[in-house]
Amino acid sequence: MCRNIKTLFNFEPPATDDEIRAAALQFVRKLSGFNKPSKANAEAFEAAIDEVFAAGQKLLAGLETQAPPRDRGVEAARAKARSAQRFARA
């Protein structure tokens, strides 16, 4: 899994369209191997982003959980702490 794609389900506030589109872009970049496609591939690249974005929206709208929503600030602090521990100098 691409490390730049973050979990978007069950957060308060809910994921925005921009966040879903960013995840779609990262997914298509990973699949295609292109950071930025050539002019010849741009149309297919953008179409794939749109399709993955739509699928992501549909997925997030259809998921259900009994768990309370997670707080974005708390999760960001945990990620920062994990990163600091992971990259700490000995």
PDB file of N, CA and C in Angstrom:
ATOM      1  N   MET A   1       0.841  -1.183   0.000  1.00  0.00           N
ATOM      2  CA  MET A   1       0.000   0.000   0.000  1.00  0.00           C
ATOM      3  C   MET A   1       0.879   1.236   0.000  1.00  0.00           C
ATOM      4  N   CYS A   2       0.460   2.214  -0.698  1.00  0.00           N
ATOM      5  CA  CYS A   2       1.195   3.469  -0.774  1.00  0.00           C
ATOM      6  C   CYS A   2       1.096   4.186   0.573  1.00  0.00           C
ATOM      7  N   ARG A   3       2.202   4.603   1.111  1.00  0.00           N
ATOM      8  CA  ARG A   3       2.202   5.238   2.428  1.00  0.00           C
ATOM      9  C   ARG A   3       1.507   6.582   2.431  1.00  0.00           C
ATOM     10  N   ASN A   4       1.400   7.229   1.292  1.00  0.00           N
ATOM     11  CA  ASN A   4       0.760   8.541   1.228  1.00  0.00           C
ATOM     12  C   ASN A   4      -0.757   8.463   1.234  1.00  0.00           C
ATOM     13  N   ILE A   5      -1.311   7.296   1.029  1.00  0.00           N
ATOM     14  CA  ILE A   5      -2.764   7.144   1.050  1.00  0.00           C
ATOM     15  C   ILE A   5      -3.172   6.871   2.491  1.00  0.00           C
ATOM     16  N   LYS A   6      -3.956   7.773   3.048  1.00  0.00           N
ATOM     17  CA  LYS A   6      -4.367   7.679   4.439  1.00  0.00           C
ATOM     18  C   LYS A   6      -5.779   7.109   4.542  1.00  0.00           C
ATOM     19  N   THR A   7      -6.073   6.495   5.683  1.00  0.00           N
ATOM     20  CA  THR A   7      -7.419   6.016   5.955  1.00  0.00           C
ATOM     21  C   THR A   7      -8.355   7.216   6.022  1.00  0.00           C
ATOM     22  N   LEU A   8      -9.479   7.136   5.342  1.00  0.00           N
ATOM     23  CA  LEU A   8     -10.416   8.253   5.290  1.00  0.00           C
ATOM     24  C   LEU A   8     -11.755   7.937   5.936  1.00  0.00           C
ATOM     25  N   PHE A   9     -11.985   6.700   6.315  1.00  0.00           N
ATOM     26  CA  PHE A   9     -13.276   6.304   6.868  1.00  0.00           C
ATOM     27  C   PHE A   9     -13.340   6.514   8.374  1.00  0.00           C
ATOM     28  N   ASN A  10     -14.507   6.918   8.845  1.00  0.00           N
ATOM     29  CA  ASN A  10     -14.853   7.036  10.254  1.00  0.00           C
ATOM     30  C   ASN A  10     -14.032   8.096  10.979  1.00  0.00           C
ATOM     31  N   PHE A  11     -13.933   9.271  10.380  1.00  0.00           N
ATOM     32  CA  PHE A  11     -13.286  10.407  11.021  1.00  0.00           C
ATOM     33  C   PHE A  11     -14.291  11.520  11.230  1.00  0.00           C
ATOM     34  N   GLU A  12     -14.017  12.329  12.217  1.00  0.00           N
ATOM     35  CA  GLU A  12     -14.815  13.520  12.462  1.00  0.00           C
ATOM     36  C   GLU A  12     -13.889  14.713  12.374  1.00  0.00           C
ATOM     37  N   PRO A  13     -14.063  15.625  11.486  1.00  0.00           N
ATOM     38  CA  PRO A  13     -15.083  15.683  10.441  1.00  0.00           C
ATOM     39  C   PRO A  13     -14.792  14.665   9.337  1.00  0.00           C
ATOM     40  N   PRO A  14     -15.820  14.305   8.558  1.00  0.00           N
ATOM     41  CA  PRO A  14     -15.641  13.301   7.508  1.00  0.00           C
ATOM     42  C   PRO A  14     -14.652  13.759   6.427  1.00  0.00           C
ATOM     43  N   ALA A  15     -14.161  12.800   5.676  1.00  0.00           N
ATOM     44  CA  ALA A  15     -13.221  13.088   4.590  1.00  0.00           C
ATOM     45  C   ALA A  15     -13.868  14.021   3.571  1.00  0.00           C
ATOM     46  N   THR A  16     -13.071  14.939   3.060  1.00  0.00           N
ATOM     47  CA  THR A  16     -13.544  15.866   2.046  1.00  0.00           C
ATOM     48  C   THR A  16     -13.308  15.282   0.659  1.00  0.00           C
ATOM     49  N   ASP A  17     -13.960  15.868  -0.328  1.00  0.00           N
ATOM     50  CA  ASP A  17     -13.733  15.436  -1.710  1.00  0.00           C
ATOM     51  C   ASP A  17     -12.270  15.628  -2.107  1.00  0.00           C
ATOM     52  N   ASP A  18     -11.640  16.687  -1.606  1.00  0.00           N
ATOM     53  CA  ASP A  18     -10.225  16.922  -1.916  1.00  0.00           C
ATOM     54  C   ASP A  18      -9.344  15.792  -1.383  1.00  0.00           C
ATOM     55  N   GLU A  19      -9.654  15.307  -0.191  1.00  0.00           N
ATOM     56  CA  GLU A  19      -8.877  14.210   0.385  1.00  0.00           C
ATOM     57  C   GLU A  19      -9.091  12.916  -0.399  1.00  0.00           C
ATOM     58  N   ILE A  20     -10.318  12.671  -0.815  1.00  0.00           N
ATOM     59  CA  ILE A  20     -10.614  11.467  -1.598  1.00  0.00           C
ATOM     60  C   ILE A  20      -9.926  11.555  -2.956  1.00  0.00           C
ATOM     61  N   ARG A  21      -9.951  12.736  -3.585  1.00  0.00           N
ATOM     62  CA  ARG A  21      -9.295  12.917  -4.878  1.00  0.00           C
ATOM     63  C   ARG A  21      -7.776  12.756  -4.745  1.00  0.00           C
ATOM     64  N   ALA A  22      -7.201  13.272  -3.668  1.00  0.00           N
ATOM     65  CA  ALA A  22      -5.756  13.123  -3.449  1.00  0.00           C
ATOM     66  C   ALA A  22      -5.384  11.649  -3.299  1.00  0.00           C
ATOM     67  N   ALA A  23      -6.217  10.880  -2.590  1.00  0.00           N
ATOM     68  CA  ALA A  23      -5.968   9.443  -2.452  1.00  0.00           C
ATOM     69  C   ALA A  23      -6.091   8.745  -3.806  1.00  0.00           C
ATOM     70  N   ALA A  24      -7.070   9.151  -4.607  1.00  0.00           N
ATOM     71  CA  ALA A  24      -7.244   8.579  -5.942  1.00  0.00           C
ATOM     72  C   ALA A  24      -6.024   8.875  -6.811  1.00  0.00           C
ATOM     73  N   LEU A  25      -5.528  10.100  -6.739  1.00  0.00           N
ATOM     74  CA  LEU A  25      -4.344  10.480  -7.503  1.00  0.00           C
ATOM     75  C   LEU A  25      -3.146   9.625  -7.105  1.00  0.00           C
ATOM     76  N   GLN A  26      -2.926   9.448  -5.797  1.00  0.00           N
ATOM     77  CA  GLN A  26      -1.807   8.633  -5.335  1.00  0.00           C
ATOM     78  C   GLN A  26      -1.944   7.180  -5.794  1.00  0.00           C
ATOM     79  N   PHE A  27      -3.167   6.667  -5.761  1.00  0.00           N
ATOM     80  CA  PHE A  27      -3.410   5.290  -6.193  1.00  0.00           C
ATOM     81  C   PHE A  27      -3.099   5.124  -7.681  1.00  0.00           C
ATOM     82  N   VAL A  28      -3.569   6.050  -8.502  1.00  0.00           N
ATOM     83  CA  VAL A  28      -3.327   5.972  -9.947  1.00  0.00           C
ATOM     84  C   VAL A  28      -1.835   6.157 -10.241  1.00  0.00           C
ATOM     85  N   ARG A  29      -1.165   7.045  -9.521  1.00  0.00           N
ATOM     86  CA  ARG A  29       0.280   7.211  -9.694  1.00  0.00           C
ATOM     87  C   ARG A  29       1.008   5.908  -9.389  1.00  0.00           C
ATOM     88  N   LYS A  30       0.584   5.250  -8.313  1.00  0.00           N
ATOM     89  CA  LYS A  30       1.232   3.998  -7.917  1.00  0.00           C
ATOM     90  C   LYS A  30       1.010   2.914  -8.965  1.00  0.00           C
ATOM     91  N   LEU A  31      -0.229   2.793  -9.440  1.00  0.00           N
ATOM     92  CA  LEU A  31      -0.527   1.772 -10.442  1.00  0.00           C
ATOM     93  C   LEU A  31       0.202   2.019 -11.757  1.00  0.00           C
ATOM     94  N   SER A  32       0.218   3.273 -12.186  1.00  0.00           N
ATOM     95  CA  SER A  32       0.771   3.589 -13.505  1.00  0.00           C
ATOM     96  C   SER A  32       2.291   3.708 -13.501  1.00  0.00           C
ATOM     97  N   GLY A  33       2.842   4.064 -12.364  1.00  0.00           N
ATOM     98  CA  GLY A  33       4.281   4.309 -12.311  1.00  0.00           C
ATOM     99  C   GLY A  33       4.647   5.709 -12.769  1.00  0.00           C
ATOM    100  N   PHE A  34       3.654   6.531 -13.069  1.00  0.00           N
ATOM    101  CA  PHE A  34       3.882   7.911 -13.512  1.00  0.00           C
ATOM    102  C   PHE A  34       3.575   8.876 -12.380  1.00  0.00           C
ATOM    103  N   ASN A  35       4.476   9.821 -12.148  1.00  0.00           N
ATOM    104  CA  ASN A  35       4.157  10.918 -11.248  1.00  0.00           C
ATOM    105  C   ASN A  35       3.331  11.946 -12.009  1.00  0.00           C
ATOM    106  N   LYS A  36       3.750  12.194 -13.253  1.00  0.00           N
ATOM    107  CA  LYS A  36       3.008  13.062 -14.163  1.00  0.00           C
ATOM    108  C   LYS A  36       3.061  12.385 -15.530  1.00  0.00           C
ATOM    109  N   PRO A  37       1.913  12.061 -16.089  1.00  0.00           N
ATOM    110  CA  PRO A  37       1.925  11.328 -17.363  1.00  0.00           C
ATOM    111  C   PRO A  37       2.312  12.227 -18.536  1.00  0.00           C
ATOM    112  N   SER A  38       2.726  11.600 -19.617  1.00  0.00           N
ATOM    113  CA  SER A  38       3.005  12.337 -20.844  1.00  0.00           C
ATOM    114  C   SER A  38       1.689  12.845 -21.428  1.00  0.00           C
ATOM    115  N   LYS A  39       1.784  13.730 -22.395  1.00  0.00           N
ATOM    116  CA  LYS A  39       0.576  14.260 -23.043  1.00  0.00           C
ATOM    117  C   LYS A  39      -0.246  13.133 -23.662  1.00  0.00           C
ATOM    118  N   ALA A  40       0.434  12.129 -24.181  1.00  0.00           N
ATOM    119  CA  ALA A  40      -0.261  10.999 -24.809  1.00  0.00           C
ATOM    120  C   ALA A  40      -1.080  10.197 -23.796  1.00  0.00           C
ATOM    121  N   ASN A  41      -0.635  10.178 -22.539  1.00  0.00           N
ATOM    122  CA  ASN A  41      -1.315   9.391 -21.508  1.00  0.00           C
ATOM    123  C   ASN A  41      -2.156  10.226 -20.553  1.00  0.00           C
ATOM    124  N   ALA A  42      -2.152  11.534 -20.699  1.00  0.00           N
ATOM    125  CA  ALA A  42      -2.829  12.421 -19.748  1.00  0.00           C
ATOM    126  C   ALA A  42      -4.325  12.148 -19.661  1.00  0.00           C
ATOM    127  N   GLU A  43      -4.976  11.931 -20.787  1.00  0.00           N
ATOM    128  CA  GLU A  43      -6.420  11.715 -20.789  1.00  0.00           C
ATOM    129  C   GLU A  43      -6.791  10.435 -20.029  1.00  0.00           C
ATOM    130  N   ALA A  44      -6.066   9.361 -20.291  1.00  0.00           N
ATOM    131  CA  ALA A  44      -6.331   8.096 -19.599  1.00  0.00           C
ATOM    132  C   ALA A  44      -6.027   8.226 -18.106  1.00  0.00           C
ATOM    133  N   PHE A  45      -4.972   8.949 -17.777  1.00  0.00           N
ATOM    134  CA  PHE A  45      -4.575   9.169 -16.393  1.00  0.00           C
ATOM    135  C   PHE A  45      -5.668   9.918 -15.636  1.00  0.00           C
ATOM    136  N   GLU A  46      -6.156  11.010 -16.213  1.00  0.00           N
ATOM    137  CA  GLU A  46      -7.212  11.813 -15.574  1.00  0.00           C
ATOM    138  C   GLU A  46      -8.521  11.021 -15.465  1.00  0.00           C
ATOM    139  N   ALA A  47      -8.842  10.245 -16.494  1.00  0.00           N
ATOM    140  CA  ALA A  47     -10.057   9.426 -16.454  1.00  0.00           C
ATOM    141  C   ALA A  47      -9.961   8.402 -15.323  1.00  0.00           C
ATOM    142  N   ALA A  48      -8.792   7.812 -15.144  1.00  0.00           N
ATOM    143  CA  ALA A  48      -8.600   6.832 -14.079  1.00  0.00           C
ATOM    144  C   ALA A  48      -8.756   7.492 -12.707  1.00  0.00           C
ATOM    145  N   ILE A  49      -8.219   8.693 -12.550  1.00  0.00           N
ATOM    146  CA  ILE A  49      -8.369   9.423 -11.285  1.00  0.00           C
ATOM    147  C   ILE A  49      -9.846   9.658 -10.994  1.00  0.00           C
ATOM    148  N   ASP A  50     -10.583  10.095 -12.009  1.00  0.00           N
ATOM    149  CA  ASP A  50     -12.019  10.354 -11.830  1.00  0.00           C
ATOM    150  C   ASP A  50     -12.776   9.087 -11.437  1.00  0.00           C
ATOM    151  N   GLU A  51     -12.432   7.969 -12.054  1.00  0.00           N
ATOM    152  CA  GLU A  51     -13.112   6.704 -11.748  1.00  0.00           C
ATOM    153  C   GLU A  51     -12.782   6.215 -10.338  1.00  0.00           C
ATOM    154  N   VAL A  52     -11.522   6.319  -9.946  1.00  0.00           N
ATOM    155  CA  VAL A  52     -11.131   5.902  -8.594  1.00  0.00           C
ATOM    156  C   VAL A  52     -11.751   6.839  -7.560  1.00  0.00           C
ATOM    157  N   PHE A  53     -11.804   8.125  -7.854  1.00  0.00           N
ATOM    158  CA  PHE A  53     -12.443   9.106  -6.972  1.00  0.00           C
ATOM    159  C   PHE A  53     -13.916   8.749  -6.755  1.00  0.00           C
ATOM    160  N   ALA A  54     -14.631   8.455  -7.845  1.00  0.00           N
ATOM    161  CA  ALA A  54     -16.047   8.097  -7.742  1.00  0.00           C
ATOM    162  C   ALA A  54     -16.224   6.809  -6.932  1.00  0.00           C
ATOM    163  N   ALA A  55     -15.354   5.838  -7.170  1.00  0.00           N
ATOM    164  CA  ALA A  55     -15.430   4.590  -6.414  1.00  0.00           C
ATOM    165  C   ALA A  55     -15.144   4.837  -4.934  1.00  0.00           C
ATOM    166  N   GLY A  56     -14.202   5.714  -4.639  1.00  0.00           N
ATOM    167  CA  GLY A  56     -13.883   6.050  -3.250  1.00  0.00           C
ATOM    168  C   GLY A  56     -15.049   6.718  -2.548  1.00  0.00           C
ATOM    169  N   GLN A  57     -15.694   7.652  -3.231  1.00  0.00           N
ATOM    170  CA  GLN A  57     -16.874   8.309  -2.653  1.00  0.00           C
ATOM    171  C   GLN A  57     -17.974   7.290  -2.361  1.00  0.00           C
ATOM    172  N   LYS A  58     -18.216   6.414  -3.324  1.00  0.00           N
ATOM    173  CA  LYS A  58     -19.255   5.400  -3.171  1.00  0.00           C
ATOM    174  C   LYS A  58     -18.927   4.461  -2.009  1.00  0.00           C
ATOM    175  N   LEU A  59     -17.678   4.061  -1.916  1.00  0.00           N
ATOM    176  CA  LEU A  59     -17.243   3.186  -0.835  1.00  0.00           C
ATOM    177  C   LEU A  59     -17.459   3.847   0.519  1.00  0.00           C
ATOM    178  N   LEU A  60     -16.955   5.061   0.680  1.00  0.00           N
ATOM    179  CA  LEU A  60     -17.070   5.740   1.969  1.00  0.00           C
ATOM    180  C   LEU A  60     -18.525   5.996   2.352  1.00  0.00           C
ATOM    181  N   ALA A  61     -19.366   6.276   1.367  1.00  0.00           N
ATOM    182  CA  ALA A  61     -20.786   6.507   1.635  1.00  0.00           C
ATOM    183  C   ALA A  61     -21.493   5.216   2.049  1.00  0.00           C
ATOM    184  N   GLY A  62     -21.028   4.079   1.577  1.00  0.00           N
ATOM    185  CA  GLY A  62     -21.692   2.815   1.849  1.00  0.00           C
ATOM    186  C   GLY A  62     -21.217   2.090   3.089  1.00  0.00           C
ATOM    187  N   LEU A  63     -20.071   2.472   3.634  1.00  0.00           N
ATOM    188  CA  LEU A  63     -19.534   1.788   4.807  1.00  0.00           C
ATOM    189  C   LEU A  63     -20.298   2.182   6.067  1.00  0.00           C
ATOM    190  N   GLU A  64     -20.418   1.228   6.981  1.00  0.00           N
ATOM    191  CA  GLU A  64     -21.075   1.468   8.260  1.00  0.00           C
ATOM    192  C   GLU A  64     -20.192   0.945   9.378  1.00  0.00           C
ATOM    193  N   THR A  65     -20.303   1.568  10.538  1.00  0.00           N
ATOM    194  CA  THR A  65     -19.563   1.110  11.704  1.00  0.00           C
ATOM    195  C   THR A  65     -20.309   1.499  12.963  1.00  0.00           C
ATOM    196  N   GLN A  66     -20.084   0.728  14.010  1.00  0.00           N
ATOM    197  CA  GLN A  66     -20.639   1.054  15.317  1.00  0.00           C
ATOM    198  C   GLN A  66     -19.612   1.801  16.171  1.00  0.00           C
ATOM    199  N   ALA A  67     -18.380   1.840  15.705  1.00  0.00           N
ATOM    200  CA  ALA A  67     -17.308   2.505  16.449  1.00  0.00           C
ATOM    201  C   ALA A  67     -17.496   4.019  16.403  1.00  0.00           C
ATOM    202  N   PRO A  68     -17.110   4.692  17.456  1.00  0.00           N
ATOM    203  CA  PRO A  68     -17.202   6.153  17.438  1.00  0.00           C
ATOM    204  C   PRO A  68     -16.191   6.726  16.440  1.00  0.00           C
ATOM    205  N   PRO A  69     -16.510   7.869  15.850  1.00  0.00           N
ATOM    206  CA  PRO A  69     -15.576   8.464  14.890  1.00  0.00           C
ATOM    207  C   PRO A  69     -14.248   8.833  15.556  1.00  0.00           C
ATOM    208  N   ARG A  70     -13.180   8.669  14.801  1.00  0.00           N
ATOM    209  CA  ARG A  70     -11.854   9.027  15.303  1.00  0.00           C
ATOM    210  C   ARG A  70     -11.631  10.520  15.117  1.00  0.00           C
ATOM    211  N   ASP A  71     -10.817  11.085  15.981  1.00  0.00           N
ATOM    212  CA  ASP A  71     -10.490  12.498  15.924  1.00  0.00           C
ATOM    213  C   ASP A  71      -9.243  12.685  15.067  1.00  0.00           C
ATOM    214  N   ARG A  72      -9.322  13.569  14.091  1.00  0.00           N
ATOM    215  CA  ARG A  72      -8.185  13.783  13.184  1.00  0.00           C
ATOM    216  C   ARG A  72      -6.951  14.290  13.923  1.00  0.00           C
ATOM    217  N   GLY A  73      -7.142  15.166  14.889  1.00  0.00           N
ATOM    218  CA  GLY A  73      -6.006  15.709  15.637  1.00  0.00           C
ATOM    219  C   GLY A  73      -5.275  14.647  16.426  1.00  0.00           C
ATOM    220  N   VAL A  74      -6.027  13.780  17.075  1.00  0.00           N
ATOM    221  CA  VAL A  74      -5.424  12.695  17.864  1.00  0.00           C
ATOM    222  C   VAL A  74      -4.667  11.740  16.950  1.00  0.00           C
ATOM    223  N   GLU A  75      -5.271  11.370  15.825  1.00  0.00           N
ATOM    224  CA  GLU A  75      -4.613  10.455  14.888  1.00  0.00           C
ATOM    225  C   GLU A  75      -3.355  11.083  14.283  1.00  0.00           C
ATOM    226  N   ALA A  76      -3.394  12.378  13.994  1.00  0.00           N
ATOM    227  CA  ALA A  76      -2.215  13.074  13.455  1.00  0.00           C
ATOM    228  C   ALA A  76      -1.092  13.095  14.486  1.00  0.00           C
ATOM    229  N   ALA A  77      -1.428  13.316  15.759  1.00  0.00           N
ATOM    230  CA  ALA A  77      -0.418  13.313  16.814  1.00  0.00           C
ATOM    231  C   ALA A  77       0.213  11.929  16.963  1.00  0.00           C
ATOM    232  N   ARG A  78      -0.612  10.880  16.882  1.00  0.00           N
ATOM    233  CA  ARG A  78      -0.080   9.513  16.957  1.00  0.00           C
ATOM    234  C   ARG A  78       0.869   9.233  15.793  1.00  0.00           C
ATOM    235  N   ALA A  79       0.482   9.648  14.597  1.00  0.00           N
ATOM    236  CA  ALA A  79       1.331   9.432  13.416  1.00  0.00           C
ATOM    237  C   ALA A  79       2.648  10.184  13.559  1.00  0.00           C
ATOM    238  N   LYS A  80       2.577  11.401  14.081  1.00  0.00           N
ATOM    239  CA  LYS A  80       3.797  12.195  14.271  1.00  0.00           C
ATOM    240  C   LYS A  80       4.712  11.530  15.292  1.00  0.00           C
ATOM    241  N   ALA A  81       4.140  10.992  16.356  1.00  0.00           N
ATOM    242  CA  ALA A  81       4.931  10.297  17.375  1.00  0.00           C
ATOM    243  C   ALA A  81       5.579   9.036  16.798  1.00  0.00           C
ATOM    244  N   ARG A  82       4.816   8.283  15.987  1.00  0.00           N
ATOM    245  CA  ARG A  82       5.387   7.080  15.343  1.00  0.00           C
ATOM    246  C   ARG A  82       6.533   7.470  14.418  1.00  0.00           C
ATOM    247  N   SER A  83       6.343   8.547  13.681  1.00  0.00           N
ATOM    248  CA  SER A  83       7.384   9.006  12.757  1.00  0.00           C
ATOM    249  C   SER A  83       8.633   9.434  13.520  1.00  0.00           C
ATOM    250  N   ALA A  84       8.451  10.166  14.601  1.00  0.00           N
ATOM    251  CA  ALA A  84       9.593  10.609  15.404  1.00  0.00           C
ATOM    252  C   ALA A  84      10.356   9.420  15.961  1.00  0.00           C
ATOM    253  N   GLN A  85       9.629   8.418  16.428  1.00  0.00           N
ATOM    254  CA  GLN A  85      10.271   7.219  16.966  1.00  0.00           C
ATOM    255  C   GLN A  85      10.976   6.443  15.849  1.00  0.00           C
ATOM    256  N   ARG A  86      10.340   6.357  14.700  1.00  0.00           N
ATOM    257  CA  ARG A  86      10.899   5.592  13.584  1.00  0.00           C
ATOM    258  C   ARG A  86      12.178   6.214  13.061  1.00  0.00           C
ATOM    259  N   PHE A  87      12.211   7.554  12.994  1.00  0.00           N
ATOM    260  CA  PHE A  87      13.345   8.231  12.395  1.00  0.00           C
ATOM    261  C   PHE A  87      14.280   8.856  13.424  1.00  0.00           C
ATOM    262  N   ALA A  88      14.111   8.507  14.709  1.00  0.00           N
ATOM    263  CA  ALA A  88      14.978   9.045  15.755  1.00  0.00           C
ATOM    264  C   ALA A  88      16.394   8.529  15.572  1.00  0.00           C
ATOM    265  N   ARG A  89      17.313   9.384  15.863  1.00  0.00           N
ATOM    266  CA  ARG A  89      18.730   8.984  15.774  1.00  0.00           C
ATOM    267  C   ARG A  89      19.134   8.307  17.069  1.00  0.00           C
ATOM    268  N   ALA A  90      19.886   7.233  16.923  1.00  0.00           N
ATOM    269  CA  ALA A  90      20.315   6.462  18.095  1.00  0.00           C
ATOM    270  C   ALA A  90      21.440   7.146  18.824  1.00  0.00           C
TER     271      ALA A  90
END
